[in-house]
Amino acid sequence: MMHGYNTGNFLMGGGWIWGLFQLALVILIVYVVWQLIQNRRGSSSQEDARQDALSILDSRFASGEIDDDEYNRKKRAILDR
Protein backbone atom coordinates (compact mmCIF):
# COMPACT_ATOMS: atom_id res chain seq x y z
CA MET A 1 0.00 0.00 0.00
CA MET A 2 1.29 3.45 -0.96
CA HIS A 3 1.09 6.31 1.43
CA GLY A 4 1.40 9.95 0.48
CA TYR A 5 0.60 11.82 -2.66
CA ASN A 6 -0.44 10.12 -5.84
CA THR A 7 1.90 11.73 -8.34
CA GLY A 8 1.08 9.29 -11.11
CA ASN A 9 -2.27 10.89 -11.85
CA PHE A 10 -0.75 14.37 -11.70
CA LEU A 11 1.90 13.59 -14.29
CA MET A 12 -0.28 11.50 -16.54
CA GLY A 13 -3.31 13.76 -16.34
CA GLY A 14 -1.59 16.84 -17.76
CA GLY A 15 -1.16 18.63 -14.44
CA TRP A 16 2.36 19.54 -15.40
CA ILE A 17 0.98 21.48 -18.39
CA TRP A 18 -1.18 23.52 -16.03
CA GLY A 19 1.87 24.15 -13.83
CA LEU A 20 3.90 25.35 -16.81
CA PHE A 21 1.04 27.60 -17.85
CA GLN A 22 0.91 29.17 -14.40
CA LEU A 23 4.68 29.67 -14.39
CA ALA A 24 4.55 31.27 -17.84
CA LEU A 25 1.74 33.55 -16.69
CA VAL A 26 3.74 34.73 -13.67
CA ILE A 27 6.80 35.35 -15.87
CA LEU A 28 4.66 37.31 -18.33
CA ILE A 29 3.20 39.50 -15.58
CA VAL A 30 6.66 40.21 -14.15
CA TYR A 31 7.94 41.06 -17.65
CA VAL A 32 5.06 43.46 -18.38
CA VAL A 33 5.51 45.25 -15.04
CA TRP A 34 9.28 45.48 -15.68
CA GLN A 35 8.71 46.99 -19.14
CA LEU A 36 6.24 49.55 -17.77
CA ILE A 37 8.77 50.63 -15.15
CA GLN A 38 11.55 50.88 -17.74
CA ASN A 39 9.40 52.88 -20.15
CA ARG A 40 8.39 55.31 -17.42
CA ARG A 41 12.03 55.85 -16.46
CA GLY A 42 13.07 56.22 -20.08
CA SER A 43 10.47 58.82 -20.94
CA SER A 44 11.29 60.96 -17.91
CA SER A 45 15.03 60.84 -18.62
CA GLN A 46 14.39 61.81 -22.25
CA GLU A 47 12.26 64.72 -21.10
CA ASP A 48 15.00 65.78 -18.68
CA ALA A 49 17.59 65.65 -21.47
CA ARG A 50 15.32 67.71 -23.73
CA GLN A 51 14.85 70.34 -21.01
CA ASP A 52 18.61 70.46 -20.39
CA ALA A 53 19.27 70.96 -24.11
CA LEU A 54 16.68 73.74 -24.31
CA SER A 55 18.16 75.42 -21.27
CA ILE A 56 21.64 75.38 -22.82
CA LEU A 57 20.23 76.67 -26.10
CA ASP A 58 18.43 79.50 -24.30
CA SER A 59 21.65 80.46 -22.52
CA ARG A 60 23.62 80.49 -25.76
CA PHE A 61 20.97 82.67 -27.40
CA ALA A 62 20.80 85.04 -24.43
CA SER A 63 24.58 85.49 -24.42
CA GLY A 64 24.58 86.33 -28.14
CA GLU A 65 26.56 83.24 -29.09
CA ILE A 66 23.93 82.23 -31.69
CA ASP A 67 21.49 84.28 -33.80
CA ASP A 68 17.70 83.97 -34.20
CA ASP A 69 17.82 81.64 -37.19
CA GLU A 70 20.23 79.20 -35.58
CA TYR A 71 18.30 79.32 -32.29
CA ASN A 72 14.98 78.49 -33.98
CA ARG A 73 16.52 75.75 -36.14
CA LYS A 74 18.17 74.05 -33.17
CA LYS A 75 15.08 74.43 -31.01
CA ARG A 76 12.95 72.69 -33.66
CA ALA A 77 15.54 69.91 -33.88
CA ILE A 78 15.47 69.40 -30.11
CA LEU A 79 11.68 69.38 -29.90
CA ASP A 80 11.33 66.97 -32.86
CA ARG A 81 13.40 64.28 -31.11
C-alpha atoms as a PDB file:
ATOM      1  CA  MET A   1       0.000   0.000   0.000  1.00  0.00           C
ATOM      2  CA  MET A   2       1.291   3.448  -0.955  1.00  0.00           C
ATOM      3  CA  HIS A   3       1.086   6.308   1.431  1.00  0.00           C
ATOM      4  CA  GLY A   4       1.402   9.947   0.483  1.00  0.00           C
ATOM      5  CA  TYR A   5       0.600  11.823  -2.656  1.00  0.00           C
ATOM      6  CA  ASN A   6      -0.445  10.119  -5.837  1.00  0.00           C
ATOM      7  CA  THR A   7       1.901  11.729  -8.337  1.00  0.00           C
ATOM      8  CA  GLY A   8       1.083   9.295 -11.109  1.00  0.00           C
ATOM      9  CA  ASN A   9      -2.275  10.889 -11.847  1.00  0.00           C
ATOM     10  CA  PHE A  10      -0.752  14.365 -11.704  1.00  0.00           C
ATOM     11  CA  LEU A  11       1.902  13.587 -14.290  1.00  0.00           C
ATOM     12  CA  MET A  12      -0.284  11.499 -16.544  1.00  0.00           C
ATOM     13  CA  GLY A  13      -3.313  13.759 -16.339  1.00  0.00           C
ATOM     14  CA  GLY A  14      -1.587  16.837 -17.758  1.00  0.00           C
ATOM     15  CA  GLY A  15      -1.165  18.631 -14.442  1.00  0.00           C
ATOM     16  CA  TRP A  16       2.362  19.545 -15.398  1.00  0.00           C
ATOM     17  CA  ILE A  17       0.976  21.478 -18.387  1.00  0.00           C
ATOM     18  CA  TRP A  18      -1.183  23.524 -16.032  1.00  0.00           C
ATOM     19  CA  GLY A  19       1.872  24.151 -13.826  1.00  0.00           C
ATOM     20  CA  LEU A  20       3.900  25.351 -16.814  1.00  0.00           C
ATOM     21  CA  PHE A  21       1.035  27.601 -17.854  1.00  0.00           C
ATOM     22  CA  GLN A  22       0.908  29.169 -14.396  1.00  0.00           C
ATOM     23  CA  LEU A  23       4.679  29.668 -14.388  1.00  0.00           C
ATOM     24  CA  ALA A  24       4.547  31.271 -17.840  1.00  0.00           C
ATOM     25  CA  LEU A  25       1.742  33.554 -16.686  1.00  0.00           C
ATOM     26  CA  VAL A  26       3.741  34.728 -13.669  1.00  0.00           C
ATOM     27  CA  ILE A  27       6.804  35.348 -15.866  1.00  0.00           C
ATOM     28  CA  LEU A  28       4.664  37.311 -18.334  1.00  0.00           C
ATOM     29  CA  ILE A  29       3.200  39.498 -15.575  1.00  0.00           C
ATOM     30  CA  VAL A  30       6.663  40.214 -14.154  1.00  0.00           C
ATOM     31  CA  TYR A  31       7.941  41.063 -17.646  1.00  0.00           C
ATOM     32  CA  VAL A  32       5.056  43.459 -18.379  1.00  0.00           C
ATOM     33  CA  VAL A  33       5.509  45.255 -15.045  1.00  0.00           C
ATOM     34  CA  TRP A  34       9.276  45.476 -15.677  1.00  0.00           C
ATOM     35  CA  GLN A  35       8.706  46.993 -19.139  1.00  0.00           C
ATOM     36  CA  LEU A  36       6.241  49.547 -17.767  1.00  0.00           C
ATOM     37  CA  ILE A  37       8.767  50.632 -15.147  1.00  0.00           C
ATOM     38  CA  GLN A  38      11.555  50.877 -17.735  1.00  0.00           C
ATOM     39  CA  ASN A  39       9.396  52.883 -20.147  1.00  0.00           C
ATOM     40  CA  ARG A  40       8.388  55.313 -17.423  1.00  0.00           C
ATOM     41  CA  ARG A  41      12.026  55.853 -16.457  1.00  0.00           C
ATOM     42  CA  GLY A  42      13.073  56.217 -20.083  1.00  0.00           C
ATOM     43  CA  SER A  43      10.473  58.824 -20.938  1.00  0.00           C
ATOM     44  CA  SER A  44      11.289  60.962 -17.914  1.00  0.00           C
ATOM     45  CA  SER A  45      15.029  60.844 -18.616  1.00  0.00           C
ATOM     46  CA  GLN A  46      14.394  61.810 -22.254  1.00  0.00           C
ATOM     47  CA  GLU A  47      12.262  64.715 -21.104  1.00  0.00           C
ATOM     48  CA  ASP A  48      15.001  65.778 -18.680  1.00  0.00           C
ATOM     49  CA  ALA A  49      17.591  65.652 -21.465  1.00  0.00           C
ATOM     50  CA  ARG A  50      15.324  67.714 -23.725  1.00  0.00           C
ATOM     51  CA  GLN A  51      14.850  70.337 -21.006  1.00  0.00           C
ATOM     52  CA  ASP A  52      18.609  70.464 -20.392  1.00  0.00           C
ATOM     53  CA  ALA A  53      19.266  70.956 -24.108  1.00  0.00           C
ATOM     54  CA  LEU A  54      16.678  73.736 -24.314  1.00  0.00           C
ATOM     55  CA  SER A  55      18.164  75.424 -21.267  1.00  0.00           C
ATOM     56  CA  ILE A  56      21.640  75.382 -22.819  1.00  0.00           C
ATOM     57  CA  LEU A  57      20.234  76.666 -26.098  1.00  0.00           C
ATOM     58  CA  ASP A  58      18.433  79.496 -24.303  1.00  0.00           C
ATOM     59  CA  SER A  59      21.654  80.459 -22.518  1.00  0.00           C
ATOM     60  CA  ARG A  60      23.621  80.490 -25.761  1.00  0.00           C
ATOM     61  CA  PHE A  61      20.974  82.674 -27.397  1.00  0.00           C
ATOM     62  CA  ALA A  62      20.805  85.039 -24.428  1.00  0.00           C
ATOM     63  CA  SER A  63      24.581  85.487 -24.419  1.00  0.00           C
ATOM     64  CA  GLY A  64      24.580  86.330 -28.140  1.00  0.00           C
ATOM     65  CA  GLU A  65      26.556  83.241 -29.085  1.00  0.00           C
ATOM     66  CA  ILE A  66      23.929  82.233 -31.689  1.00  0.00           C
ATOM     67  CA  ASP A  67      21.495  84.276 -33.796  1.00  0.00           C
ATOM     68  CA  ASP A  68      17.701  83.972 -34.196  1.00  0.00           C
ATOM     69  CA  ASP A  69      17.818  81.637 -37.185  1.00  0.00           C
ATOM     70  CA  GLU A  70      20.235  79.201 -35.578  1.00  0.00           C
ATOM     71  CA  TYR A  71      18.295  79.321 -32.289  1.00  0.00           C
ATOM     72  CA  ASN A  72      14.982  78.490 -33.984  1.00  0.00           C
ATOM     73  CA  ARG A  73      16.523  75.746 -36.144  1.00  0.00           C
ATOM     74  CA  LYS A  74      18.173  74.054 -33.175  1.00  0.00           C
ATOM     75  CA  LYS A  75      15.079  74.432 -31.012  1.00  0.00           C
ATOM     76  CA  ARG A  76      12.955  72.688 -33.657  1.00  0.00           C
ATOM     77  CA  ALA A  77      15.541  69.907 -33.881  1.00  0.00           C
ATOM     78  CA  ILE A  78      15.472  69.395 -30.111  1.00  0.00           C
ATOM     79  CA  LEU A  79      11.681  69.375 -29.900  1.00  0.00           C
ATOM     80  CA  ASP A  80      11.330  66.972 -32.856  1.00  0.00           C
ATOM     81  CA  ARG A  81      13.402  64.282 -31.109  1.00  0.00           C
END
